[in-house]
C-alpha atoms as a PDB file:
ATOM      1  CA  UNK A   1       0.000   0.000   0.000  1.00  0.00           C
ATOM      2  CA  UNK A   2       1.359   3.415  -0.942  1.00  0.00           C
ATOM      3  CA  UNK A   3       2.263   5.847   1.808  1.00  0.00           C
ATOM      4  CA  UNK A   4      -0.476   8.288   0.874  1.00  0.00           C
ATOM      5  CA  UNK A   5      -3.052   5.499   0.971  1.00  0.00           C
ATOM      6  CA  UNK A   6      -1.800   4.393   4.400  1.00  0.00           C
ATOM      7  CA  UNK A   7      -2.092   7.947   5.695  1.00  0.00           C
ATOM      8  CA  UNK A   8      -5.614   8.374   4.360  1.00  0.00           C
ATOM      9  CA  UNK A   9      -6.699   5.023   5.802  1.00  0.00           C
ATOM     10  CA  UNK A  10      -5.276   5.915   9.220  1.00  0.00           C
ATOM     11  CA  UNK A  11      -7.138   9.226   9.223  1.00  0.00           C
ATOM     12  CA  UNK A  12     -10.378   7.664   8.013  1.00  0.00           C
ATOM     13  CA  UNK A  13     -10.235   5.135  10.868  1.00  0.00           C
ATOM     14  CA  UNK A  14     -10.153   7.894  13.500  1.00  0.00           C
ATOM     15  CA  UNK A  15     -13.391   8.535  15.385  1.00  0.00           C
ATOM     16  CA  UNK A  16     -15.601  11.361  14.158  1.00  0.00           C
ATOM     17  CA  UNK A  17     -14.682  13.540  17.124  1.00  0.00           C
ATOM     18  CA  UNK A  18     -10.909  13.168  16.569  1.00  0.00           C
ATOM     19  CA  UNK A  19      -8.808  16.301  16.604  1.00  0.00           C
ATOM     20  CA  UNK A  20      -6.008  17.340  14.286  1.00  0.00           C
ATOM     21  CA  UNK A  21      -3.639  16.463  17.113  1.00  0.00           C
ATOM     22  CA  UNK A  22      -5.091  12.929  17.201  1.00  0.00           C
ATOM     23  CA  UNK A  23      -4.477  12.585  13.461  1.00  0.00           C
ATOM     24  CA  UNK A  24      -0.911  13.861  13.764  1.00  0.00           C
ATOM     25  CA  UNK A  25      -0.183  11.462  16.622  1.00  0.00           C
ATOM     26  CA  UNK A  26      -1.528   8.533  14.607  1.00  0.00           C
ATOM     27  CA  UNK A  27       0.548   9.474  11.557  1.00  0.00           C
ATOM     28  CA  UNK A  28       3.659   9.960  13.678  1.00  0.00           C
ATOM     29  CA  UNK A  29       3.162   6.533  15.258  1.00  0.00           C
ATOM     30  CA  UNK A  30       2.875   4.938  11.822  1.00  0.00           C
ATOM     31  CA  UNK A  31       6.030   6.756  10.737  1.00  0.00           C
ATOM     32  CA  UNK A  32       7.963   5.484  13.773  1.00  0.00           C
ATOM     33  CA  UNK A  33       6.772   1.915  13.185  1.00  0.00           C
ATOM     34  CA  UNK A  34       7.758   2.046   9.510  1.00  0.00           C
ATOM     35  CA  UNK A  35      11.159   3.507  10.380  1.00  0.00           C
ATOM     36  CA  UNK A  36      11.747   0.776  12.980  1.00  0.00           C
ATOM     37  CA  UNK A  37      10.801  -1.934  10.514  1.00  0.00           C
ATOM     38  CA  UNK A  38      13.247  -0.545   7.956  1.00  0.00           C
ATOM     39  CA  UNK A  39      15.999  -0.427  10.574  1.00  0.00           C
ATOM     40  CA  UNK A  40      15.301  -4.033  11.535  1.00  0.00           C
ATOM     41  CA  UNK A  41      15.330  -5.092   7.884  1.00  0.00           C
ATOM     42  CA  UNK A  42      18.744  -3.428   7.536  1.00  0.00           C
ATOM     43  CA  UNK A  43      20.087  -5.311  10.562  1.00  0.00           C
ATOM     44  CA  UNK A  44      20.100  -2.320  12.922  1.00  0.00           C
ATOM     45  CA  UNK A  45      18.854  -4.310  15.895  1.00  0.00           C
ATOM     46  CA  UNK A  46      19.537  -4.064  19.622  1.00  0.00           C
ATOM     47  CA  UNK A  47      19.951  -7.157  21.777  1.00  0.00           C
ATOM     48  CA  UNK A  48      17.804  -7.612  24.840  1.00  0.00           C
ATOM     49  CA  UNK A  49      20.840  -6.987  27.054  1.00  0.00           C
ATOM     50  CA  UNK A  50      21.637  -3.742  25.220  1.00  0.00           C
ATOM     51  CA  UNK A  51      18.035  -2.641  25.663  1.00  0.00           C
ATOM     52  CA  UNK A  52      18.228  -3.372  29.401  1.00  0.00           C
ATOM     53  CA  UNK A  53      21.420  -1.357  29.710  1.00  0.00           C
ATOM     54  CA  UNK A  54      19.886   1.608  27.875  1.00  0.00           C
ATOM     55  CA  UNK A  55      16.754   1.486  29.993  1.00  0.00           C
ATOM     56  CA  UNK A  56      18.825   1.323  33.180  1.00  0.00           C
ATOM     57  CA  UNK A  57      20.490   4.597  32.174  1.00  0.00           C
ATOM     58  CA  UNK A  58      17.095   6.211  31.529  1.00  0.00           C
ATOM     59  CA  UNK A  59      15.731   5.131  34.908  1.00  0.00           C
ATOM     60  CA  UNK A  60      18.580   6.621  36.974  1.00  0.00           C
END
């Protein structure tokens, strides 16, 4: 599915009372997911141990 079609579908699926901010948040989430999938496809992965170490730094 083309990017424009994905964006339109995501917006159409929002409830009728959705705000512009809701639409932007949904589109940004889809962007982040797509970016993460591309990174994973390119081998840019983090091990579970690396993730734990990063999270430990954040929680200090």
